[in-house]
Amino acid sequence: MHRFPTAAQSFRILTSMTALLSLGTLITGQDAKAATSTTTPQVTLGDDGNSNGQSMFRTLFDGQRALGTSGLSSLEGASGGGIASWATIGGYGSNKSAGMALHYSYVNLTSYWDQNVGASMGFFDRVEISYTHNFFQTRGTGAKLGIGNGYQFDLDVAGAKVRLFGHVADNTLIPQVAIGGMYKHDSDGKVIHEVGSMHTDGGDAYLAVTKLFPKIGILIDTTVRFTKGNQWGILGFGGDKDNNYHAQFEGSLGYLPSFIPGLVVGVEYRTKPRNQRFTDESNWFDVYTSYFVNKHLNVTLAYVSLGTIATYKDQTGFYFSAQTGF
């Protein structure tokens, strides 16, 4: 009998923690909120595109946080980098309103491609909920694997995140720290089990630490994720080699050149579990450039190296993502 919790149990534990921490945030006095708002200077990465309008939309989504503090959109829907989840909260809502971000991503690899659509919402600059759907297309590789030409895997990911303390872009040395959880469902049990995966459903839990150092224009993120997802869940969870949760590392390093406001260039790295005898699984790496046109449009391009996926090695290619935020 495993000592580790099941995926469903892990997700329930994490969402319970999220609910409790969210409740604590909501009952905090208005004076404390006002103090946080006035004593936390923000760094703007470029033209923030704010409006002075007093519409209901602006009341619900006031857009008062600094440009770039919503992060990018990850393949799993949470705000962060392309392959890493950060401590950022999606959207640009202040501690008195909500924020929202919508995204579309496309990854073209040597033997596969993946499309991803999703959304995240932030509440009071404290809590984030997210959802995304991955369409992982095998193209001609599917026929070689014996599952059919152009076979497609579908993965749904629902997530929740709570900022514990700190702000990513203030002028202190205290980082923004958040805990999060994801529930993932793969729609194809037949193929998943044939390749040695144990489950079509799984849960991840993570702790993220993110900080921007505005004087030198450096962004750093370190995330520890507990998971047993195979290829982030596309090939199921757990396997005939290992069915336990293990800590994995995700890291991001970005540079914000002062001479091009709104631009971020950087690298990311993510370690992966090895659960299946059917195929090796490689750590991921990317080099990205992202430009925040304004709060309503962010475009990211990246070179990605994902190693071996379903026995096919050297899966490299490009990543494109477009995000809109409020």
C-alpha atoms as a PDB file:
ATOM      1  CA  MET A   1       0.000   0.000   0.000  1.00  0.00           C
ATOM      2  CA  HIS A   2       1.431   3.339  -1.060  1.00  0.00           C
ATOM      3  CA  ARG A   3       2.212   5.940   1.535  1.00  0.00           C
ATOM      4  CA  PHE A   4       1.419   8.703  -0.928  1.00  0.00           C
ATOM      5  CA  PRO A   5      -2.083  10.153  -1.369  1.00  0.00           C
ATOM      6  CA  THR A   6      -4.067   9.424  -4.489  1.00  0.00           C
ATOM      7  CA  ALA A   7      -4.386  12.165  -7.097  1.00  0.00           C
ATOM      8  CA  ALA A   8      -7.965  12.893  -6.055  1.00  0.00           C
ATOM      9  CA  GLN A   9      -7.020  13.026  -2.367  1.00  0.00           C
ATOM     10  CA  SER A  10      -4.120  15.394  -3.083  1.00  0.00           C
ATOM     11  CA  PHE A  11      -6.343  17.704  -5.062  1.00  0.00           C
ATOM     12  CA  ARG A  12      -9.031  17.723  -2.331  1.00  0.00           C
ATOM     13  CA  ILE A  13      -6.415  18.518   0.325  1.00  0.00           C
ATOM     14  CA  LEU A  14      -4.971  21.362  -1.723  1.00  0.00           C
ATOM     15  CA  THR A  15      -8.323  22.868  -2.649  1.00  0.00           C
ATOM     16  CA  SER A  16      -9.320  22.734   1.023  1.00  0.00           C
ATOM     17  CA  MET A  17      -6.173  24.679   1.891  1.00  0.00           C
ATOM     18  CA  THR A  18      -6.982  27.107  -0.917  1.00  0.00           C
ATOM     19  CA  ALA A  19     -10.501  27.650   0.414  1.00  0.00           C
ATOM     20  CA  LEU A  20      -9.269  28.274   3.940  1.00  0.00           C
ATOM     21  CA  LEU A  21      -6.588  30.708   2.817  1.00  0.00           C
ATOM     22  CA  SER A  22      -9.063  32.463   0.518  1.00  0.00           C
ATOM     23  CA  LEU A  23     -11.528  32.849   3.384  1.00  0.00           C
ATOM     24  CA  GLY A  24      -8.810  34.383   5.527  1.00  0.00           C
ATOM     25  CA  THR A  25      -8.136  36.881   2.763  1.00  0.00           C
ATOM     26  CA  LEU A  26     -11.790  37.821   2.338  1.00  0.00           C
ATOM     27  CA  ILE A  27     -12.309  38.555   6.053  1.00  0.00           C
ATOM     28  CA  THR A  28      -9.210  40.757   6.309  1.00  0.00           C
ATOM     29  CA  GLY A  29     -10.197  44.311   7.219  1.00  0.00           C
ATOM     30  CA  GLN A  30     -10.471  47.019   4.611  1.00  0.00           C
ATOM     31  CA  ASP A  31      -7.821  49.056   6.438  1.00  0.00           C
ATOM     32  CA  ALA A  32      -5.293  46.286   5.903  1.00  0.00           C
ATOM     33  CA  LYS A  33      -6.173  46.169   2.209  1.00  0.00           C
ATOM     34  CA  ALA A  34      -5.796  49.901   1.854  1.00  0.00           C
ATOM     35  CA  ALA A  35      -2.449  49.801   3.628  1.00  0.00           C
ATOM     36  CA  THR A  36      -1.191  47.108   1.262  1.00  0.00           C
ATOM     37  CA  SER A  37      -2.353  49.077  -1.757  1.00  0.00           C
ATOM     38  CA  THR A  38      -0.671  52.306  -0.683  1.00  0.00           C
ATOM     39  CA  THR A  39       2.569  50.880   0.664  1.00  0.00           C
ATOM     40  CA  THR A  40       3.374  48.516  -2.222  1.00  0.00           C
ATOM     41  CA  PRO A  41       4.966  50.477  -5.071  1.00  0.00           C
ATOM     42  CA  GLN A  42       4.539  48.722  -8.403  1.00  0.00           C
ATOM     43  CA  VAL A  43       6.854  48.590 -11.381  1.00  0.00           C
ATOM     44  CA  THR A  44       5.211  49.074 -14.769  1.00  0.00           C
ATOM     45  CA  LEU A  45       6.795  47.198 -17.664  1.00  0.00           C
ATOM     46  CA  GLY A  46       5.359  49.512 -20.331  1.00  0.00           C
ATOM     47  CA  ASP A  47       2.209  51.330 -21.476  1.00  0.00           C
ATOM     48  CA  ASP A  48      -0.476  49.976 -19.107  1.00  0.00           C
ATOM     49  CA  GLY A  49      -3.474  51.046 -21.232  1.00  0.00           C
ATOM     50  CA  ASN A  50      -5.607  51.961 -18.215  1.00  0.00           C
ATOM     51  CA  SER A  51      -8.872  53.851 -18.620  1.00  0.00           C
ATOM     52  CA  ASN A  52     -10.478  56.289 -16.194  1.00  0.00           C
ATOM     53  CA  GLY A  53     -13.955  55.044 -17.079  1.00  0.00           C
ATOM     54  CA  GLN A  54     -16.312  54.100 -14.237  1.00  0.00           C
ATOM     55  CA  SER A  55     -18.314  51.395 -16.046  1.00  0.00           C
ATOM     56  CA  MET A  56     -19.490  48.250 -14.299  1.00  0.00           C
ATOM     57  CA  PHE A  57     -16.787  46.350 -16.183  1.00  0.00           C
ATOM     58  CA  ARG A  58     -14.146  48.665 -14.714  1.00  0.00           C
ATOM     59  CA  THR A  59     -15.659  48.183 -11.270  1.00  0.00           C
ATOM     60  CA  LEU A  60     -15.416  44.405 -11.563  1.00  0.00           C
ATOM     61  CA  PHE A  61     -12.075  44.424 -13.388  1.00  0.00           C
ATOM     62  CA  ASP A  62     -10.296  47.589 -12.326  1.00  0.00           C
ATOM     63  CA  GLY A  63      -7.004  46.704 -14.034  1.00  0.00           C
ATOM     64  CA  GLN A  64      -4.958  48.515 -11.400  1.00  0.00           C
ATOM     65  CA  ARG A  65      -2.026  46.123 -11.131  1.00  0.00           C
ATOM     66  CA  ALA A  66       1.156  46.866 -13.048  1.00  0.00           C
ATOM     67  CA  LEU A  67       1.661  45.590 -16.573  1.00  0.00           C
ATOM     68  CA  GLY A  68       3.247  42.135 -16.654  1.00  0.00           C
ATOM     69  CA  THR A  69       2.347  41.148 -13.084  1.00  0.00           C
ATOM     70  CA  SER A  70      -0.265  38.689 -14.410  1.00  0.00           C
ATOM     71  CA  GLY A  71       2.512  36.536 -15.856  1.00  0.00           C
ATOM     72  CA  LEU A  72       2.199  34.525 -19.063  1.00  0.00           C
ATOM     73  CA  SER A  73      -0.011  31.455 -19.594  1.00  0.00           C
ATOM     74  CA  SER A  74       1.427  27.983 -19.061  1.00  0.00           C
ATOM     75  CA  LEU A  75       0.488  24.814 -20.944  1.00  0.00           C
ATOM     76  CA  GLU A  76      -1.474  23.801 -17.848  1.00  0.00           C
ATOM     77  CA  GLY A  77      -3.508  27.022 -17.720  1.00  0.00           C
ATOM     78  CA  ALA A  78      -2.068  28.621 -14.582  1.00  0.00           C
ATOM     79  CA  SER A  79      -0.343  31.981 -14.886  1.00  0.00           C
ATOM     80  CA  GLY A  80       3.409  31.707 -15.213  1.00  0.00           C
ATOM     81  CA  GLY A  81       5.835  30.846 -17.989  1.00  0.00           C
ATOM     82  CA  GLY A  82       5.129  28.543 -20.908  1.00  0.00           C
ATOM     83  CA  ILE A  83       6.283  25.359 -19.136  1.00  0.00           C
ATOM     84  CA  ALA A  84       6.455  26.577 -15.521  1.00  0.00           C
ATOM     85  CA  SER A  85       3.797  27.755 -13.076  1.00  0.00           C
ATOM     86  CA  TRP A  86       4.704  30.989 -11.270  1.00  0.00           C
ATOM     87  CA  ALA A  87       3.389  32.588  -8.076  1.00  0.00           C
ATOM     88  CA  THR A  88       1.636  35.278 -10.158  1.00  0.00           C
ATOM     89  CA  ILE A  89      -2.143  35.756 -10.100  1.00  0.00           C
ATOM     90  CA  GLY A  90      -3.881  35.888 -13.489  1.00  0.00           C
ATOM     91  CA  GLY A  91      -5.381  39.157 -14.725  1.00  0.00           C
ATOM     92  CA  TYR A  92      -4.783  42.710 -13.517  1.00  0.00           C
ATOM     93  CA  GLY A  93      -7.369  43.142 -10.762  1.00  0.00           C
ATOM     94  CA  SER A  94      -6.275  44.896  -7.579  1.00  0.00           C
ATOM     95  CA  ASN A  95      -6.950  43.690  -4.038  1.00  0.00           C
ATOM     96  CA  LYS A  96     -10.454  45.169  -4.407  1.00  0.00           C
ATOM     97  CA  SER A  97     -11.564  43.527  -7.656  1.00  0.00           C
ATOM     98  CA  ALA A  98     -11.137  40.630 -10.073  1.00  0.00           C
ATOM     99  CA  GLY A  99      -8.861  40.022 -13.039  1.00  0.00           C
ATOM    100  CA  MET A 100      -9.104  37.741 -16.048  1.00  0.00           C
ATOM    101  CA  ALA A 101      -6.825  36.325 -18.744  1.00  0.00           C
ATOM    102  CA  LEU A 102      -7.636  34.307 -21.883  1.00  0.00           C
ATOM    103  CA  HIS A 103      -5.004  32.500 -23.920  1.00  0.00           C
ATOM    104  CA  TYR A 104      -4.275  30.385 -26.984  1.00  0.00           C
ATOM    105  CA  SER A 105      -1.023  28.445 -27.360  1.00  0.00           C
ATOM    106  CA  TYR A 106       0.467  26.311 -30.125  1.00  0.00           C
ATOM    107  CA  VAL A 107       3.498  24.021 -29.944  1.00  0.00           C
ATOM    108  CA  ASN A 108       4.924  22.471 -33.114  1.00  0.00           C
ATOM    109  CA  LEU A 109       7.399  19.648 -32.498  1.00  0.00           C
ATOM    110  CA  THR A 110       9.375  17.258 -34.697  1.00  0.00           C
ATOM    111  CA  SER A 111       6.733  14.499 -34.512  1.00  0.00           C
ATOM    112  CA  TYR A 112       3.741  16.099 -32.767  1.00  0.00           C
ATOM    113  CA  TRP A 113       1.879  19.342 -32.190  1.00  0.00           C
ATOM    114  CA  ASP A 114      -0.239  20.640 -29.344  1.00  0.00           C
ATOM    115  CA  GLN A 115      -2.903  23.339 -29.188  1.00  0.00           C
ATOM    116  CA  ASN A 116      -4.084  24.794 -25.917  1.00  0.00           C
ATOM    117  CA  VAL A 117      -6.958  27.141 -25.062  1.00  0.00           C
ATOM    118  CA  GLY A 118      -7.898  28.337 -21.602  1.00  0.00           C
ATOM    119  CA  ALA A 119      -8.714  31.061 -19.143  1.00  0.00           C
ATOM    120  CA  SER A 120      -7.793  32.141 -15.639  1.00  0.00           C
ATOM    121  CA  MET A 121      -9.448  34.478 -13.168  1.00  0.00           C
ATOM    122  CA  GLY A 122      -7.880  36.245 -10.220  1.00  0.00           C
ATOM    123  CA  PHE A 123      -9.775  37.511  -7.182  1.00  0.00           C
ATOM    124  CA  PHE A 124      -8.518  40.340  -4.930  1.00  0.00           C
ATOM    125  CA  ASP A 125      -4.934  39.764  -6.118  1.00  0.00           C
ATOM    126  CA  ARG A 126      -4.963  36.697  -3.892  1.00  0.00           C
ATOM    127  CA  VAL A 127      -6.738  33.709  -5.460  1.00  0.00           C
ATOM    128  CA  GLU A 128      -6.550  32.346  -9.005  1.00  0.00           C
ATOM    129  CA  ILE A 129      -8.710  29.698 -10.665  1.00  0.00           C
ATOM    130  CA  SER A 130      -7.894  28.385 -14.129  1.00  0.00           C
ATOM    131  CA  TYR A 131      -9.010  25.951 -16.796  1.00  0.00           C
ATOM    132  CA  THR A 132      -7.388  24.802 -20.015  1.00  0.00           C
ATOM    133  CA  HIS A 133      -7.808  22.112 -22.647  1.00  0.00           C
ATOM    134  CA  ASN A 134      -4.921  20.541 -24.565  1.00  0.00           C
ATOM    135  CA  PHE A 135      -5.369  19.001 -28.024  1.00  0.00           C
ATOM    136  CA  PHE A 136      -2.258  16.843 -28.479  1.00  0.00           C
ATOM    137  CA  GLN A 137      -2.052  15.670 -32.106  1.00  0.00           C
ATOM    138  CA  THR A 138       0.189  12.739 -33.111  1.00  0.00           C
ATOM    139  CA  ARG A 139       0.046  13.478 -36.875  1.00  0.00           C
ATOM    140  CA  GLY A 140       1.739  10.705 -38.896  1.00  0.00           C
ATOM    141  CA  THR A 141       3.490   9.441 -35.772  1.00  0.00           C
ATOM    142  CA  GLY A 142       0.194   7.983 -34.563  1.00  0.00           C
ATOM    143  CA  ALA A 143       0.186   5.401 -37.354  1.00  0.00           C
ATOM    144  CA  LYS A 144       3.780   4.395 -36.542  1.00  0.00           C
ATOM    145  CA  LEU A 145       2.790   3.946 -32.891  1.00  0.00           C
ATOM    146  CA  GLY A 146      -0.136   1.738 -33.930  1.00  0.00           C
ATOM    147  CA  ILE A 147      -2.880   4.022 -32.602  1.00  0.00           C
ATOM    148  CA  GLY A 148      -3.932   5.547 -35.914  1.00  0.00           C
ATOM    149  CA  ASN A 149      -2.800   8.343 -38.190  1.00  0.00           C
ATOM    150  CA  GLY A 150      -3.510  11.734 -36.650  1.00  0.00           C
ATOM    151  CA  TYR A 151      -4.604  10.269 -33.314  1.00  0.00           C
ATOM    152  CA  GLN A 152      -5.409  12.994 -30.783  1.00  0.00           C
ATOM    153  CA  PHE A 153      -5.088  13.002 -26.990  1.00  0.00           C
ATOM    154  CA  ASP A 154      -7.251  15.446 -25.022  1.00  0.00           C
ATOM    155  CA  LEU A 155      -6.326  16.726 -21.579  1.00  0.00           C
ATOM    156  CA  ASP A 156      -8.447  18.949 -19.330  1.00  0.00           C
ATOM    157  CA  VAL A 157      -6.768  20.819 -16.480  1.00  0.00           C
ATOM    158  CA  ALA A 158      -8.553  22.751 -13.714  1.00  0.00           C
ATOM    159  CA  GLY A 159      -6.401  24.676 -11.270  1.00  0.00           C
ATOM    160  CA  ALA A 160      -6.479  26.824  -8.140  1.00  0.00           C
ATOM    161  CA  LYS A 161      -3.737  28.985  -6.646  1.00  0.00           C
ATOM    162  CA  VAL A 162      -3.408  31.191  -3.545  1.00  0.00           C
ATOM    163  CA  ARG A 163      -0.836  33.926  -3.026  1.00  0.00           C
ATOM    164  CA  LEU A 164       0.504  33.514   0.506  1.00  0.00           C
ATOM    165  CA  PHE A 165       2.544  36.718   0.766  1.00  0.00           C
ATOM    166  CA  GLY A 166       4.758  39.138  -1.143  1.00  0.00           C
ATOM    167  CA  HIS A 167       4.346  40.947  -4.461  1.00  0.00           C
ATOM    168  CA  VAL A 168       6.286  40.022  -7.568  1.00  0.00           C
ATOM    169  CA  ALA A 169       7.024  43.609  -8.654  1.00  0.00           C
ATOM    170  CA  ASP A 170       7.336  45.710  -5.509  1.00  0.00           C
ATOM    171  CA  ASN A 171      10.576  47.336  -4.400  1.00  0.00           C
ATOM    172  CA  THR A 172      11.335  44.955  -1.532  1.00  0.00           C
ATOM    173  CA  LEU A 173      13.416  41.782  -1.565  1.00  0.00           C
ATOM    174  CA  ILE A 174      10.457  39.672  -0.434  1.00  0.00           C
ATOM    175  CA  PRO A 175       9.297  37.405  -3.277  1.00  0.00           C
ATOM    176  CA  GLN A 176       5.723  36.545  -4.173  1.00  0.00           C
ATOM    177  CA  VAL A 177       4.974  33.073  -2.809  1.00  0.00           C
ATOM    178  CA  ALA A 178       1.949  30.943  -3.739  1.00  0.00           C
ATOM    179  CA  ILE A 179       0.660  27.410  -3.396  1.00  0.00           C
ATOM    180  CA  GLY A 180      -1.429  25.775  -6.091  1.00  0.00           C
ATOM    181  CA  GLY A 181      -3.096  22.592  -7.197  1.00  0.00           C
ATOM    182  CA  MET A 182      -4.325  21.111 -10.471  1.00  0.00           C
ATOM    183  CA  TYR A 183      -6.807  18.389 -11.297  1.00  0.00           C
ATOM    184  CA  LYS A 184      -6.168  16.758 -14.673  1.00  0.00           C
ATOM    185  CA  HIS A 185      -8.307  14.408 -16.758  1.00  0.00           C
ATOM    186  CA  ASP A 186      -7.111  12.520 -19.846  1.00  0.00           C
ATOM    187  CA  SER A 187      -9.976  11.409 -22.052  1.00  0.00           C
ATOM    188  CA  ASP A 188      -8.461   8.222 -23.525  1.00  0.00           C
ATOM    189  CA  GLY A 189      -8.244   5.417 -20.997  1.00  0.00           C
ATOM    190  CA  LYS A 190      -7.663   2.633 -23.544  1.00  0.00           C
ATOM    191  CA  VAL A 191      -4.409   3.941 -25.008  1.00  0.00           C
ATOM    192  CA  ILE A 192      -3.276   5.355 -21.663  1.00  0.00           C
ATOM    193  CA  HIS A 193      -3.384   1.923 -20.023  1.00  0.00           C
ATOM    194  CA  GLU A 194      -1.830   0.182 -23.039  1.00  0.00           C
ATOM    195  CA  VAL A 195       1.342   2.280 -22.681  1.00  0.00           C
ATOM    196  CA  GLY A 196       1.677   1.405 -18.994  1.00  0.00           C
ATOM    197  CA  SER A 197      -0.013   4.356 -17.307  1.00  0.00           C
ATOM    198  CA  MET A 198      -2.050   3.590 -14.203  1.00  0.00           C
ATOM    199  CA  HIS A 199      -4.629   6.393 -14.200  1.00  0.00           C
ATOM    200  CA  THR A 200      -6.472   8.742 -16.544  1.00  0.00           C
ATOM    201  CA  ASP A 201      -6.968  11.268 -13.725  1.00  0.00           C
ATOM    202  CA  GLY A 202      -4.331  12.905 -11.581  1.00  0.00           C
ATOM    203  CA  GLY A 203      -3.544  15.856  -9.381  1.00  0.00           C
ATOM    204  CA  ASP A 204      -0.505  18.109  -8.985  1.00  0.00           C
ATOM    205  CA  ALA A 205       0.430  20.310  -6.031  1.00  0.00           C
ATOM    206  CA  TYR A 206       3.100  23.016  -6.171  1.00  0.00           C
ATOM    207  CA  LEU A 207       4.814  25.813  -4.283  1.00  0.00           C
ATOM    208  CA  ALA A 208       6.036  28.747  -6.404  1.00  0.00           C
ATOM    209  CA  VAL A 209       8.372  31.632  -5.517  1.00  0.00           C
ATOM    210  CA  THR A 210       8.623  34.484  -8.043  1.00  0.00           C
ATOM    211  CA  LYS A 211      10.413  37.843  -7.914  1.00  0.00           C
ATOM    212  CA  LEU A 212      11.217  40.719 -10.252  1.00  0.00           C
ATOM    213  CA  PHE A 213      14.244  42.852  -9.391  1.00  0.00           C
ATOM    214  CA  PRO A 214      13.348  46.061 -11.222  1.00  0.00           C
ATOM    215  CA  LYS A 215      16.665  47.890 -10.823  1.00  0.00           C
ATOM    216  CA  ILE A 216      18.526  45.221 -12.759  1.00  0.00           C
ATOM    217  CA  GLY A 217      15.577  43.950 -14.802  1.00  0.00           C
ATOM    218  CA  ILE A 218      15.835  40.316 -13.679  1.00  0.00           C
ATOM    219  CA  LEU A 219      12.871  37.984 -13.103  1.00  0.00           C
ATOM    220  CA  ILE A 220      13.443  34.732 -11.194  1.00  0.00           C
ATOM    221  CA  ASP A 221      11.029  31.893 -10.456  1.00  0.00           C
ATOM    222  CA  THR A 222      11.542  28.640  -8.582  1.00  0.00           C
ATOM    223  CA  THR A 223       8.711  26.114  -8.336  1.00  0.00           C
ATOM    224  CA  VAL A 224       8.535  22.707  -6.663  1.00  0.00           C
ATOM    225  CA  ARG A 225       5.802  20.470  -8.082  1.00  0.00           C
ATOM    226  CA  PHE A 226       4.570  17.154  -6.675  1.00  0.00           C
ATOM    227  CA  THR A 227       3.260  15.088  -9.583  1.00  0.00           C
ATOM    228  CA  LYS A 228       3.135  11.698 -11.243  1.00  0.00           C
ATOM    229  CA  GLY A 229       1.863  12.977 -14.587  1.00  0.00           C
ATOM    230  CA  ASN A 230       3.364  11.469 -17.734  1.00  0.00           C
ATOM    231  CA  GLN A 231       4.139  14.257 -20.228  1.00  0.00           C
ATOM    232  CA  TRP A 232       2.231  16.633 -17.917  1.00  0.00           C
ATOM    233  CA  GLY A 233      -0.774  14.231 -18.115  1.00  0.00           C
ATOM    234  CA  ILE A 234      -1.094  13.718 -21.877  1.00  0.00           C
ATOM    235  CA  LEU A 235      -0.028  10.077 -21.356  1.00  0.00           C
ATOM    236  CA  GLY A 236      -1.854   9.596 -18.065  1.00  0.00           C
ATOM    237  CA  PHE A 237      -0.572   9.399 -14.509  1.00  0.00           C
ATOM    238  CA  GLY A 238       1.696   6.964 -12.719  1.00  0.00           C
ATOM    239  CA  GLY A 239       3.012   3.866 -14.425  1.00  0.00           C
ATOM    240  CA  ASP A 240       4.230   0.295 -14.329  1.00  0.00           C
ATOM    241  CA  LYS A 241       7.668   1.583 -13.298  1.00  0.00           C
ATOM    242  CA  ASP A 242       6.648   4.071 -10.584  1.00  0.00           C
ATOM    243  CA  ASN A 243       3.221   5.083  -9.286  1.00  0.00           C
ATOM    244  CA  ASN A 244       4.289   7.491  -6.543  1.00  0.00           C
ATOM    245  CA  TYR A 245       4.392  11.263  -6.204  1.00  0.00           C
ATOM    246  CA  HIS A 246       7.818  12.857  -6.486  1.00  0.00           C
ATOM    247  CA  ALA A 247       9.016  16.446  -6.237  1.00  0.00           C
ATOM    248  CA  GLN A 248      10.003  18.025  -9.555  1.00  0.00           C
ATOM    249  CA  PHE A 249      11.744  21.349 -10.181  1.00  0.00           C
ATOM    250  CA  GLU A 250      10.617  24.201 -12.445  1.00  0.00           C
ATOM    251  CA  GLY A 251      12.727  27.292 -12.928  1.00  0.00           C
ATOM    252  CA  SER A 252      12.507  30.488 -14.978  1.00  0.00           C
ATOM    253  CA  LEU A 253      14.984  33.288 -15.527  1.00  0.00           C
ATOM    254  CA  GLY A 254      13.983  36.402 -17.438  1.00  0.00           C
ATOM    255  CA  TYR A 255      15.591  39.691 -18.430  1.00  0.00           C
ATOM    256  CA  LEU A 256      13.647  42.925 -18.990  1.00  0.00           C
ATOM    257  CA  PRO A 257      15.763  45.352 -21.041  1.00  0.00           C
ATOM    258  CA  SER A 258      15.117  48.936 -19.964  1.00  0.00           C
ATOM    259  CA  PHE A 259      15.494  50.192 -23.541  1.00  0.00           C
ATOM    260  CA  ILE A 260      12.474  48.130 -24.747  1.00  0.00           C
ATOM    261  CA  PRO A 261       9.647  48.518 -22.183  1.00  0.00           C
ATOM    262  CA  GLY A 262       7.315  45.530 -22.140  1.00  0.00           C
ATOM    263  CA  LEU A 263       9.846  43.011 -23.498  1.00  0.00           C
ATOM    264  CA  VAL A 264      10.967  39.926 -21.558  1.00  0.00           C
ATOM    265  CA  VAL A 265      13.520  37.373 -22.792  1.00  0.00           C
ATOM    266  CA  GLY A 266      14.518  34.320 -20.824  1.00  0.00           C
ATOM    267  CA  VAL A 267      14.923  30.593 -20.325  1.00  0.00           C
ATOM    268  CA  GLU A 268      12.961  27.900 -18.494  1.00  0.00           C
ATOM    269  CA  TYR A 269      13.783  24.403 -17.279  1.00  0.00           C
ATOM    270  CA  ARG A 270      11.502  21.695 -15.917  1.00  0.00           C
ATOM    271  CA  THR A 271      12.309  18.208 -14.605  1.00  0.00           C
ATOM    272  CA  LYS A 272       9.955  15.305 -15.292  1.00  0.00           C
ATOM    273  CA  PRO A 273       9.084  11.983 -13.599  1.00  0.00           C
ATOM    274  CA  ARG A 274      10.001   8.612 -15.129  1.00  0.00           C
ATOM    275  CA  ASN A 275       7.001   6.362 -14.507  1.00  0.00           C
ATOM    276  CA  GLN A 276       6.618   4.172 -17.629  1.00  0.00           C
ATOM    277  CA  ARG A 277       8.733   1.314 -18.947  1.00  0.00           C
ATOM    278  CA  PHE A 278       7.205   1.964 -22.384  1.00  0.00           C
ATOM    279  CA  THR A 279       9.155   5.164 -22.951  1.00  0.00           C
ATOM    280  CA  ASP A 280      11.724   7.449 -21.414  1.00  0.00           C
ATOM    281  CA  GLU A 281      10.673  10.940 -20.402  1.00  0.00           C
ATOM    282  CA  SER A 282      13.003  13.897 -20.734  1.00  0.00           C
ATOM    283  CA  ASN A 283      13.366  17.148 -18.850  1.00  0.00           C
ATOM    284  CA  TRP A 284      12.091  20.232 -20.709  1.00  0.00           C
ATOM    285  CA  PHE A 285      13.899  23.392 -21.732  1.00  0.00           C
ATOM    286  CA  ASP A 286      12.913  26.537 -23.601  1.00  0.00           C
ATOM    287  CA  VAL A 287      14.250  29.930 -24.644  1.00  0.00           C
ATOM    288  CA  TYR A 288      11.501  32.532 -24.918  1.00  0.00           C
ATOM    289  CA  THR A 289      10.772  36.133 -25.781  1.00  0.00           C
ATOM    290  CA  SER A 290       7.544  37.763 -24.679  1.00  0.00           C
ATOM    291  CA  TYR A 291       6.213  41.228 -25.432  1.00  0.00           C
ATOM    292  CA  PHE A 292       3.476  42.997 -23.464  1.00  0.00           C
ATOM    293  CA  VAL A 293       1.892  45.355 -25.990  1.00  0.00           C
ATOM    294  CA  ASN A 294      -0.435  46.507 -23.199  1.00  0.00           C
ATOM    295  CA  LYS A 295      -2.562  44.812 -20.532  1.00  0.00           C
ATOM    296  CA  HIS A 296      -4.906  43.479 -23.194  1.00  0.00           C
ATOM    297  CA  LEU A 297      -2.326  41.767 -25.402  1.00  0.00           C
ATOM    298  CA  ASN A 298       0.792  39.719 -24.728  1.00  0.00           C
ATOM    299  CA  VAL A 299       2.572  37.637 -27.392  1.00  0.00           C
ATOM    300  CA  THR A 300       5.175  34.953 -26.635  1.00  0.00           C
ATOM    301  CA  LEU A 301       7.497  33.040 -28.970  1.00  0.00           C
ATOM    302  CA  ALA A 302       9.887  30.318 -27.832  1.00  0.00           C
ATOM    303  CA  TYR A 303      12.225  27.581 -28.937  1.00  0.00           C
ATOM    304  CA  VAL A 304      11.389  24.391 -27.019  1.00  0.00           C
ATOM    305  CA  SER A 305      13.333  21.184 -26.446  1.00  0.00           C
ATOM    306  CA  LEU A 306      11.164  18.453 -24.912  1.00  0.00           C
ATOM    307  CA  GLY A 307      13.376  15.406 -25.489  1.00  0.00           C
ATOM    308  CA  THR A 308      11.686  12.017 -25.849  1.00  0.00           C
ATOM    309  CA  ILE A 309       7.890  11.769 -26.141  1.00  0.00           C
ATOM    310  CA  ALA A 310       6.285   8.318 -26.634  1.00  0.00           C
ATOM    311  CA  THR A 311       9.583   6.732 -27.807  1.00  0.00           C
ATOM    312  CA  TYR A 312      10.332   9.496 -30.353  1.00  0.00           C
ATOM    313  CA  LYS A 313      13.496  11.363 -29.404  1.00  0.00           C
ATOM    314  CA  ASP A 314      14.736  14.914 -29.997  1.00  0.00           C
ATOM    315  CA  GLN A 315      11.328  16.605 -29.938  1.00  0.00           C
ATOM    316  CA  THR A 316      12.234  20.218 -30.610  1.00  0.00           C
ATOM    317  CA  GLY A 317      10.289  23.041 -32.197  1.00  0.00           C
ATOM    318  CA  PHE A 318       8.634  26.371 -31.566  1.00  0.00           C
ATOM    319  CA  TYR A 319       6.016  27.653 -29.156  1.00  0.00           C
ATOM    320  CA  PHE A 320       3.575  30.499 -29.793  1.00  0.00           C
ATOM    321  CA  SER A 321       1.129  31.971 -27.295  1.00  0.00           C
ATOM    322  CA  ALA A 322      -1.217  34.968 -27.329  1.00  0.00           C
ATOM    323  CA  GLN A 323      -2.875  36.224 -24.150  1.00  0.00           C
ATOM    324  CA  THR A 324      -5.350  38.956 -23.373  1.00  0.00           C
ATOM    325  CA  GLY A 325      -5.872  40.277 -19.849  1.00  0.00           C
ATOM    326  CA  PHE A 326      -8.157  42.566 -17.852  1.00  0.00           C
END
